[in-house]
Amino acid sequence: MLDLAIQIVGLILCVSLILNLYRLLVGPKLPDRILALDTMFINGIALILLYGIAIENAIYFEAALLIAMLGFVSTSALCKYLLRGDIIE
């Protein structure tokens, strides 16, 4: 039963990533594209965690944590650049 649930959730996350990629490429404005990129980070983290659950390996949880930190920093930097035009003051 868990294997079926993992496959269904994996399929849903892959569809979500494809829709996020569409929004990233076609997004009408720059904030929409930044939000799509941040959502892609979150969906990527969910896929990594799902894979870690599927193969029962804990190292993927640490990798997901590192990617989450990278996603937060990159989104913050892009938003600051969008608002001020400069990242470092």
PDB file of N, CA and C in Angstrom:
ATOM      1  N   MET A   1       0.818  -1.196   0.000  1.00  0.00           N
ATOM      2  CA  MET A   1       0.000   0.000   0.000  1.00  0.00           C
ATOM      3  C   MET A   1       0.862   1.260   0.000  1.00  0.00           C
ATOM      4  N   LEU A   2       1.959   1.239   0.768  1.00  0.00           N
ATOM      5  CA  LEU A   2       2.841   2.402   0.807  1.00  0.00           C
ATOM      6  C   LEU A   2       3.515   2.622  -0.542  1.00  0.00           C
ATOM      7  N   ASP A   3       3.848   1.536  -1.235  1.00  0.00           N
ATOM      8  CA  ASP A   3       4.479   1.673  -2.547  1.00  0.00           C
ATOM      9  C   ASP A   3       3.551   2.364  -3.540  1.00  0.00           C
ATOM     10  N   LEU A   4       2.285   2.020  -3.502  1.00  0.00           N
ATOM     11  CA  LEU A   4       1.313   2.651  -4.390  1.00  0.00           C
ATOM     12  C   LEU A   4       1.164   4.134  -4.061  1.00  0.00           C
ATOM     13  N   ALA A   5       1.105   4.460  -2.781  1.00  0.00           N
ATOM     14  CA  ALA A   5       0.986   5.862  -2.372  1.00  0.00           C
ATOM     15  C   ALA A   5       2.219   6.656  -2.797  1.00  0.00           C
ATOM     16  N   ILE A   6       3.396   6.067  -2.676  1.00  0.00           N
ATOM     17  CA  ILE A   6       4.628   6.754  -3.086  1.00  0.00           C
ATOM     18  C   ILE A   6       4.627   7.006  -4.589  1.00  0.00           C
ATOM     19  N   GLN A   7       4.156   6.050  -5.370  1.00  0.00           N
ATOM     20  CA  GLN A   7       4.103   6.236  -6.814  1.00  0.00           C
ATOM     21  C   GLN A   7       3.105   7.319  -7.210  1.00  0.00           C
ATOM     22  N   ILE A   8       1.953   7.337  -6.562  1.00  0.00           N
ATOM     23  CA  ILE A   8       0.937   8.347  -6.882  1.00  0.00           C
ATOM     24  C   ILE A   8       1.435   9.739  -6.514  1.00  0.00           C
ATOM     25  N   VAL A   9       2.009   9.878  -5.335  1.00  0.00           N
ATOM     26  CA  VAL A   9       2.522  11.191  -4.909  1.00  0.00           C
ATOM     27  C   VAL A   9       3.675  11.628  -5.801  1.00  0.00           C
ATOM     28  N   GLY A  10       4.535  10.692  -6.197  1.00  0.00           N
ATOM     29  CA  GLY A  10       5.631  11.022  -7.111  1.00  0.00           C
ATOM     30  C   GLY A  10       5.116  11.523  -8.442  1.00  0.00           C
ATOM     31  N   LEU A  11       4.082  10.900  -8.966  1.00  0.00           N
ATOM     32  CA  LEU A  11       3.489  11.348 -10.231  1.00  0.00           C
ATOM     33  C   LEU A  11       2.895  12.745 -10.088  1.00  0.00           C
ATOM     34  N   ILE A  12       2.200  12.984  -8.999  1.00  0.00           N
ATOM     35  CA  ILE A  12       1.602  14.306  -8.772  1.00  0.00           C
ATOM     36  C   ILE A  12       2.691  15.376  -8.644  1.00  0.00           C
ATOM     37  N   LEU A  13       3.780  15.057  -7.956  1.00  0.00           N
ATOM     38  CA  LEU A  13       4.870  16.025  -7.816  1.00  0.00           C
ATOM     39  C   LEU A  13       5.551  16.299  -9.151  1.00  0.00           C
ATOM     40  N   CYS A  14       5.678  15.283  -9.990  1.00  0.00           N
ATOM     41  CA  CYS A  14       6.276  15.497 -11.316  1.00  0.00           C
ATOM     42  C   CYS A  14       5.400  16.390 -12.187  1.00  0.00           C
ATOM     43  N   VAL A  15       4.087  16.188 -12.128  1.00  0.00           N
ATOM     44  CA  VAL A  15       3.173  17.064 -12.863  1.00  0.00           C
ATOM     45  C   VAL A  15       3.270  18.489 -12.334  1.00  0.00           C
ATOM     46  N   SER A  16       3.370  18.618 -11.033  1.00  0.00           N
ATOM     47  CA  SER A  16       3.511  19.937 -10.426  1.00  0.00           C
ATOM     48  C   SER A  16       4.803  20.626 -10.876  1.00  0.00           C
ATOM     49  N   LEU A  17       5.886  19.867 -10.961  1.00  0.00           N
ATOM     50  CA  LEU A  17       7.146  20.438 -11.435  1.00  0.00           C
ATOM     51  C   LEU A  17       7.040  20.894 -12.882  1.00  0.00           C
ATOM     52  N   ILE A  18       6.345  20.148 -13.717  1.00  0.00           N
ATOM     53  CA  ILE A  18       6.164  20.546 -15.118  1.00  0.00           C
ATOM     54  C   ILE A  18       5.355  21.841 -15.204  1.00  0.00           C
ATOM     55  N   LEU A  19       4.311  21.950 -14.393  1.00  0.00           N
ATOM     56  CA  LEU A  19       3.515  23.182 -14.383  1.00  0.00           C
ATOM     57  C   LEU A  19       4.326  24.369 -13.852  1.00  0.00           C
ATOM     58  N   ASN A  20       5.176  24.115 -12.870  1.00  0.00           N
ATOM     59  CA  ASN A  20       6.043  25.184 -12.365  1.00  0.00           C
ATOM     60  C   ASN A  20       7.051  25.616 -13.420  1.00  0.00           C
ATOM     61  N   LEU A  21       7.574  24.681 -14.176  1.00  0.00           N
ATOM     62  CA  LEU A  21       8.504  25.015 -15.245  1.00  0.00           C
ATOM     63  C   LEU A  21       7.824  25.872 -16.303  1.00  0.00           C
ATOM     64  N   TYR A  22       6.574  25.557 -16.613  1.00  0.00           N
ATOM     65  CA  TYR A  22       5.814  26.376 -17.551  1.00  0.00           C
ATOM     66  C   TYR A  22       5.678  27.812 -17.032  1.00  0.00           C
ATOM     67  N   ARG A  23       5.335  27.945 -15.752  1.00  0.00           N
ATOM     68  CA  ARG A  23       5.184  29.288 -15.175  1.00  0.00           C
ATOM     69  C   ARG A  23       6.518  30.022 -15.132  1.00  0.00           C
ATOM     70  N   LEU A  24       7.600  29.277 -14.923  1.00  0.00           N
ATOM     71  CA  LEU A  24       8.931  29.888 -14.889  1.00  0.00           C
ATOM     72  C   LEU A  24       9.310  30.423 -16.258  1.00  0.00           C
ATOM     73  N   LEU A  25       8.973  29.706 -17.304  1.00  0.00           N
ATOM     74  CA  LEU A  25       9.355  30.124 -18.652  1.00  0.00           C
ATOM     75  C   LEU A  25       8.406  31.163 -19.239  1.00  0.00           C
ATOM     76  N   VAL A  26       7.117  31.088 -18.918  1.00  0.00           N
ATOM     77  CA  VAL A  26       6.121  31.940 -19.554  1.00  0.00           C
ATOM     78  C   VAL A  26       5.663  33.081 -18.648  1.00  0.00           C
ATOM     79  N   GLY A  27       5.950  33.001 -17.370  1.00  0.00           N
ATOM     80  CA  GLY A  27       5.467  33.968 -16.384  1.00  0.00           C
ATOM     81  C   GLY A  27       5.390  35.388 -16.898  1.00  0.00           C
ATOM     82  N   PRO A  28       4.260  36.050 -16.681  1.00  0.00           N
ATOM     83  CA  PRO A  28       4.113  37.393 -17.241  1.00  0.00           C
ATOM     84  C   PRO A  28       5.056  38.429 -16.625  1.00  0.00           C
ATOM     85  N   LYS A  29       5.386  38.267 -15.376  1.00  0.00           N
ATOM     86  CA  LYS A  29       6.269  39.242 -14.722  1.00  0.00           C
ATOM     87  C   LYS A  29       7.350  38.513 -13.953  1.00  0.00           C
ATOM     88  N   LEU A  30       8.367  39.259 -13.566  1.00  0.00           N
ATOM     89  CA  LEU A  30       9.501  38.680 -12.851  1.00  0.00           C
ATOM     90  C   LEU A  30       9.123  38.104 -11.478  1.00  0.00           C
ATOM     91  N   PRO A  31       8.263  38.743 -10.693  1.00  0.00           N
ATOM     92  CA  PRO A  31       7.889  38.122  -9.408  1.00  0.00           C
ATOM     93  C   PRO A  31       7.212  36.758  -9.572  1.00  0.00           C
ATOM     94  N   ASP A  32       6.437  36.590 -10.650  1.00  0.00           N
ATOM     95  CA  ASP A  32       5.823  35.293 -10.912  1.00  0.00           C
ATOM     96  C   ASP A  32       6.883  34.238 -11.174  1.00  0.00           C
ATOM     97  N   ARG A  33       7.923  34.600 -11.869  1.00  0.00           N
ATOM     98  CA  ARG A  33       8.997  33.659 -12.174  1.00  0.00           C
ATOM     99  C   ARG A  33       9.798  33.306 -10.922  1.00  0.00           C
ATOM    100  N   ILE A  34      10.023  34.291 -10.066  1.00  0.00           N
ATOM    101  CA  ILE A  34      10.736  34.013  -8.810  1.00  0.00           C
ATOM    102  C   ILE A  34       9.909  33.076  -7.927  1.00  0.00           C
ATOM    103  N   LEU A  35       8.610  33.307  -7.865  1.00  0.00           N
ATOM    104  CA  LEU A  35       7.737  32.449  -7.081  1.00  0.00           C
ATOM    105  C   LEU A  35       7.694  31.032  -7.656  1.00  0.00           C
ATOM    106  N   ALA A  36       7.691  30.915  -8.983  1.00  0.00           N
ATOM    107  CA  ALA A  36       7.713  29.593  -9.610  1.00  0.00           C
ATOM    108  C   ALA A  36       9.014  28.862  -9.297  1.00  0.00           C
ATOM    109  N   LEU A  37      10.127  29.587  -9.288  1.00  0.00           N
ATOM    110  CA  LEU A  37      11.406  28.965  -8.959  1.00  0.00           C
ATOM    111  C   LEU A  37      11.426  28.492  -7.510  1.00  0.00           C
ATOM    112  N   ASP A  38      10.877  29.283  -6.616  1.00  0.00           N
ATOM    113  CA  ASP A  38      10.811  28.882  -5.211  1.00  0.00           C
ATOM    114  C   ASP A  38       9.915  27.660  -5.029  1.00  0.00           C
ATOM    115  N   THR A  39       8.817  27.620  -5.742  1.00  0.00           N
ATOM    116  CA  THR A  39       7.925  26.468  -5.671  1.00  0.00           C
ATOM    117  C   THR A  39       8.584  25.227  -6.264  1.00  0.00           C
ATOM    118  N   MET A  40       9.421  25.416  -7.281  1.00  0.00           N
ATOM    119  CA  MET A  40      10.159  24.273  -7.839  1.00  0.00           C
ATOM    120  C   MET A  40      11.150  23.724  -6.814  1.00  0.00           C
ATOM    121  N   PHE A  41      11.775  24.606  -6.041  1.00  0.00           N
ATOM    122  CA  PHE A  41      12.650  24.138  -4.960  1.00  0.00           C
ATOM    123  C   PHE A  41      11.863  23.275  -3.968  1.00  0.00           C
ATOM    124  N   ILE A  42      10.689  23.736  -3.588  1.00  0.00           N
ATOM    125  CA  ILE A  42       9.882  23.006  -2.619  1.00  0.00           C
ATOM    126  C   ILE A  42       9.452  21.648  -3.174  1.00  0.00           C
ATOM    127  N   ASN A  43       9.038  21.619  -4.437  1.00  0.00           N
ATOM    128  CA  ASN A  43       8.634  20.348  -5.037  1.00  0.00           C
ATOM    129  C   ASN A  43       9.825  19.411  -5.210  1.00  0.00           C
ATOM    130  N   GLY A  44      10.987  19.960  -5.520  1.00  0.00           N
ATOM    131  CA  GLY A  44      12.191  19.140  -5.612  1.00  0.00           C
ATOM    132  C   GLY A  44      12.560  18.531  -4.272  1.00  0.00           C
ATOM    133  N   ILE A  45      12.408  19.312  -3.220  1.00  0.00           N
ATOM    134  CA  ILE A  45      12.667  18.805  -1.869  1.00  0.00           C
ATOM    135  C   ILE A  45      11.689  17.677  -1.544  1.00  0.00           C
ATOM    136  N   ALA A  46      10.432  17.865  -1.908  1.00  0.00           N
ATOM    137  CA  ALA A  46       9.437  16.820  -1.650  1.00  0.00           C
ATOM    138  C   ALA A  46       9.767  15.545  -2.413  1.00  0.00           C
ATOM    139  N   LEU A  47      10.246  15.672  -3.647  1.00  0.00           N
ATOM    140  CA  LEU A  47      10.632  14.486  -4.408  1.00  0.00           C
ATOM    141  C   LEU A  47      11.821  13.768  -3.781  1.00  0.00           C
ATOM    142  N   ILE A  48      12.788  14.530  -3.311  1.00  0.00           N
ATOM    143  CA  ILE A  48      13.951  13.922  -2.661  1.00  0.00           C
ATOM    144  C   ILE A  48      13.533  13.205  -1.383  1.00  0.00           C
ATOM    145  N   LEU A  49      12.667  13.828  -0.597  1.00  0.00           N
ATOM    146  CA  LEU A  49      12.175  13.181   0.625  1.00  0.00           C
ATOM    147  C   LEU A  49      11.364  11.931   0.304  1.00  0.00           C
ATOM    148  N   LEU A  50      10.570  11.996  -0.745  1.00  0.00           N
ATOM    149  CA  LEU A  50       9.789  10.837  -1.142  1.00  0.00           C
ATOM    150  C   LEU A  50      10.694   9.686  -1.577  1.00  0.00           C
ATOM    151  N   TYR A  51      11.746  10.005  -2.300  1.00  0.00           N
ATOM    152  CA  TYR A  51      12.696   8.977  -2.712  1.00  0.00           C
ATOM    153  C   TYR A  51      13.408   8.384  -1.497  1.00  0.00           C
ATOM    154  N   GLY A  52      13.754   9.221  -0.536  1.00  0.00           N
ATOM    155  CA  GLY A  52      14.380   8.737   0.689  1.00  0.00           C
ATOM    156  C   GLY A  52      13.474   7.802   1.467  1.00  0.00           C
ATOM    157  N   ILE A  53      12.185   8.107   1.479  1.00  0.00           N
ATOM    158  CA  ILE A  53      11.232   7.220   2.139  1.00  0.00           C
ATOM    159  C   ILE A  53      11.113   5.909   1.371  1.00  0.00           C
ATOM    160  N   ALA A  54      11.116   5.987   0.045  1.00  0.00           N
ATOM    161  CA  ALA A  54      10.930   4.789  -0.768  1.00  0.00           C
ATOM    162  C   ALA A  54      12.084   3.803  -0.605  1.00  0.00           C
ATOM    163  N   ILE A  55      13.314   4.304  -0.536  1.00  0.00           N
ATOM    164  CA  ILE A  55      14.449   3.377  -0.427  1.00  0.00           C
ATOM    165  C   ILE A  55      14.930   3.215   1.006  1.00  0.00           C
ATOM    166  N   GLU A  56      14.258   3.902   1.928  1.00  0.00           N
ATOM    167  CA  GLU A  56      14.557   3.811   3.359  1.00  0.00           C
ATOM    168  C   GLU A  56      16.011   4.162   3.669  1.00  0.00           C
ATOM    169  N   ASN A  57      16.421   5.336   3.196  1.00  0.00           N
ATOM    170  CA  ASN A  57      17.777   5.824   3.416  1.00  0.00           C
ATOM    171  C   ASN A  57      17.680   7.240   3.990  1.00  0.00           C
ATOM    172  N   ALA A  58      18.331   7.480   5.102  1.00  0.00           N
ATOM    173  CA  ALA A  58      18.201   8.760   5.806  1.00  0.00           C
ATOM    174  C   ALA A  58      19.084   9.866   5.238  1.00  0.00           C
ATOM    175  N   ILE A  59      20.041   9.547   4.383  1.00  0.00           N
ATOM    176  CA  ILE A  59      20.949  10.570   3.868  1.00  0.00           C
ATOM    177  C   ILE A  59      20.210  11.576   2.977  1.00  0.00           C
ATOM    178  N   TYR A  60      19.107  11.169   2.379  1.00  0.00           N
ATOM    179  CA  TYR A  60      18.351  12.065   1.504  1.00  0.00           C
ATOM    180  C   TYR A  60      17.654  13.169   2.291  1.00  0.00           C
ATOM    181  N   PHE A  61      17.398  12.929   3.554  1.00  0.00           N
ATOM    182  CA  PHE A  61      16.778  13.966   4.375  1.00  0.00           C
ATOM    183  C   PHE A  61      17.762  15.107   4.630  1.00  0.00           C
ATOM    184  N   GLU A  62      19.024  14.785   4.789  1.00  0.00           N
ATOM    185  CA  GLU A  62      20.041  15.825   4.950  1.00  0.00           C
ATOM    186  C   GLU A  62      20.235  16.594   3.653  1.00  0.00           C
ATOM    187  N   ALA A  63      20.197  15.895   2.526  1.00  0.00           N
ATOM    188  CA  ALA A  63      20.308  16.563   1.229  1.00  0.00           C
ATOM    189  C   ALA A  63      19.129  17.508   1.014  1.00  0.00           C
ATOM    190  N   ALA A  64      17.942  17.092   1.425  1.00  0.00           N
ATOM    191  CA  ALA A  64      16.761  17.946   1.291  1.00  0.00           C
ATOM    192  C   ALA A  64      16.891  19.198   2.153  1.00  0.00           C
ATOM    193  N   LEU A  65      17.482  19.059   3.319  1.00  0.00           N
ATOM    194  CA  LEU A  65      17.694  20.212   4.198  1.00  0.00           C
ATOM    195  C   LEU A  65      18.662  21.208   3.558  1.00  0.00           C
ATOM    196  N   LEU A  66      19.720  20.712   2.952  1.00  0.00           N
ATOM    197  CA  LEU A  66      20.674  21.592   2.279  1.00  0.00           C
ATOM    198  C   LEU A  66      20.032  22.308   1.099  1.00  0.00           C
ATOM    199  N   ILE A  67      19.235  21.602   0.336  1.00  0.00           N
ATOM    200  CA  ILE A  67      18.558  22.229  -0.804  1.00  0.00           C
ATOM    201  C   ILE A  67      17.540  23.254  -0.323  1.00  0.00           C
ATOM    202  N   ALA A  68      16.886  22.997   0.806  1.00  0.00           N
ATOM    203  CA  ALA A  68      15.936  23.969   1.360  1.00  0.00           C
ATOM    204  C   ALA A  68      16.654  25.256   1.755  1.00  0.00           C
ATOM    205  N   MET A  69      17.826  25.128   2.361  1.00  0.00           N
ATOM    206  CA  MET A  69      18.591  26.328   2.730  1.00  0.00           C
ATOM    207  C   MET A  69      19.044  27.081   1.487  1.00  0.00           C
ATOM    208  N   LEU A  70      19.479  26.367   0.463  1.00  0.00           N
ATOM    209  CA  LEU A  70      19.886  26.998  -0.781  1.00  0.00           C
ATOM    210  C   LEU A  70      18.712  27.716  -1.440  1.00  0.00           C
ATOM    211  N   GLY A  71      17.550  27.087  -1.422  1.00  0.00           N
ATOM    212  CA  GLY A  71      16.355  27.712  -1.998  1.00  0.00           C
ATOM    213  C   GLY A  71      15.953  28.971  -1.270  1.00  0.00           C
ATOM    214  N   PHE A  72      16.035  28.952   0.052  1.00  0.00           N
ATOM    215  CA  PHE A  72      15.687  30.147   0.828  1.00  0.00           C
ATOM    216  C   PHE A  72      16.636  31.300   0.532  1.00  0.00           C
ATOM    217  N   VAL A  73      17.928  31.022   0.511  1.00  0.00           N
ATOM    218  CA  VAL A  73      18.914  32.074   0.268  1.00  0.00           C
ATOM    219  C   VAL A  73      18.774  32.633  -1.144  1.00  0.00           C
ATOM    220  N   SER A  74      18.580  31.760  -2.117  1.00  0.00           N
ATOM    221  CA  SER A  74      18.475  32.248  -3.493  1.00  0.00           C
ATOM    222  C   SER A  74      17.199  33.054  -3.706  1.00  0.00           C
ATOM    223  N   THR A  75      16.101  32.625  -3.113  1.00  0.00           N
ATOM    224  CA  THR A  75      14.862  33.393  -3.240  1.00  0.00           C
ATOM    225  C   THR A  75      14.986  34.747  -2.552  1.00  0.00           C
ATOM    226  N   SER A  76      15.609  34.775  -1.393  1.00  0.00           N
ATOM    227  CA  SER A  76      15.809  36.047  -0.694  1.00  0.00           C
ATOM    228  C   SER A  76      16.699  36.989  -1.501  1.00  0.00           C
ATOM    229  N   ALA A  77      17.754  36.456  -2.085  1.00  0.00           N
ATOM    230  CA  ALA A  77      18.659  37.287  -2.878  1.00  0.00           C
ATOM    231  C   ALA A  77      17.960  37.822  -4.131  1.00  0.00           C
ATOM    232  N   LEU A  78      17.181  36.988  -4.794  1.00  0.00           N
ATOM    233  CA  LEU A  78      16.472  37.450  -5.989  1.00  0.00           C
ATOM    234  C   LEU A  78      15.434  38.510  -5.651  1.00  0.00           C
ATOM    235  N   CYS A  79      14.730  38.343  -4.544  1.00  0.00           N
ATOM    236  CA  CYS A  79      13.738  39.346  -4.143  1.00  0.00           C
ATOM    237  C   CYS A  79      14.407  40.670  -3.756  1.00  0.00           C
ATOM    238  N   LYS A  80      15.524  40.573  -3.064  1.00  0.00           N
ATOM    239  CA  LYS A  80      16.239  41.797  -2.699  1.00  0.00           C
ATOM    240  C   LYS A  80      16.762  42.511  -3.942  1.00  0.00           C
ATOM    241  N   TYR A  81      17.251  41.755  -4.907  1.00  0.00           N
ATOM    242  CA  TYR A  81      17.716  42.351  -6.154  1.00  0.00           C
ATOM    243  C   TYR A  81      16.553  42.986  -6.916  1.00  0.00           C
ATOM    244  N   LEU A  82      15.407  42.335  -6.883  1.00  0.00           N
ATOM    245  CA  LEU A  82      14.241  42.864  -7.574  1.00  0.00           C
ATOM    246  C   LEU A  82      13.774  44.172  -6.939  1.00  0.00           C
ATOM    247  N   LEU A  83      13.815  44.265  -5.616  1.00  0.00           N
ATOM    248  CA  LEU A  83      13.332  45.454  -4.926  1.00  0.00           C
ATOM    249  C   LEU A  83      14.319  46.608  -4.986  1.00  0.00           C
ATOM    250  N   ARG A  84      15.617  46.329  -4.814  1.00  0.00           N
ATOM    251  CA  ARG A  84      16.609  47.399  -4.671  1.00  0.00           C
ATOM    252  C   ARG A  84      17.532  47.531  -5.868  1.00  0.00           C
ATOM    253  N   GLY A  85      17.674  46.506  -6.651  1.00  0.00           N
ATOM    254  CA  GLY A  85      18.587  46.563  -7.784  1.00  0.00           C
ATOM    255  C   GLY A  85      20.023  46.219  -7.400  1.00  0.00           C
ATOM    256  N   ASP A  86      20.269  45.925  -6.111  1.00  0.00           N
ATOM    257  CA  ASP A  86      21.600  45.583  -5.666  1.00  0.00           C
ATOM    258  C   ASP A  86      21.458  44.608  -4.500  1.00  0.00           C
ATOM    259  N   ILE A  87      22.311  43.605  -4.480  1.00  0.00           N
ATOM    260  CA  ILE A  87      22.221  42.601  -3.426  1.00  0.00           C
ATOM    261  C   ILE A  87      23.059  43.002  -2.221  1.00  0.00           C
ATOM    262  N   ILE A  88      24.275  43.448  -2.466  1.00  0.00           N
ATOM    263  CA  ILE A  88      25.170  43.823  -1.385  1.00  0.00           C
ATOM    264  C   ILE A  88      25.131  45.341  -1.233  1.00  0.00           C
ATOM    265  N   GLU A  89      24.899  45.792  -0.017  1.00  0.00           N
ATOM    266  CA  GLU A  89      24.808  47.246   0.211  1.00  0.00           C
ATOM    267  C   GLU A  89      26.150  47.822   0.545  1.00  0.00           C
TER     268      GLU A  89
END
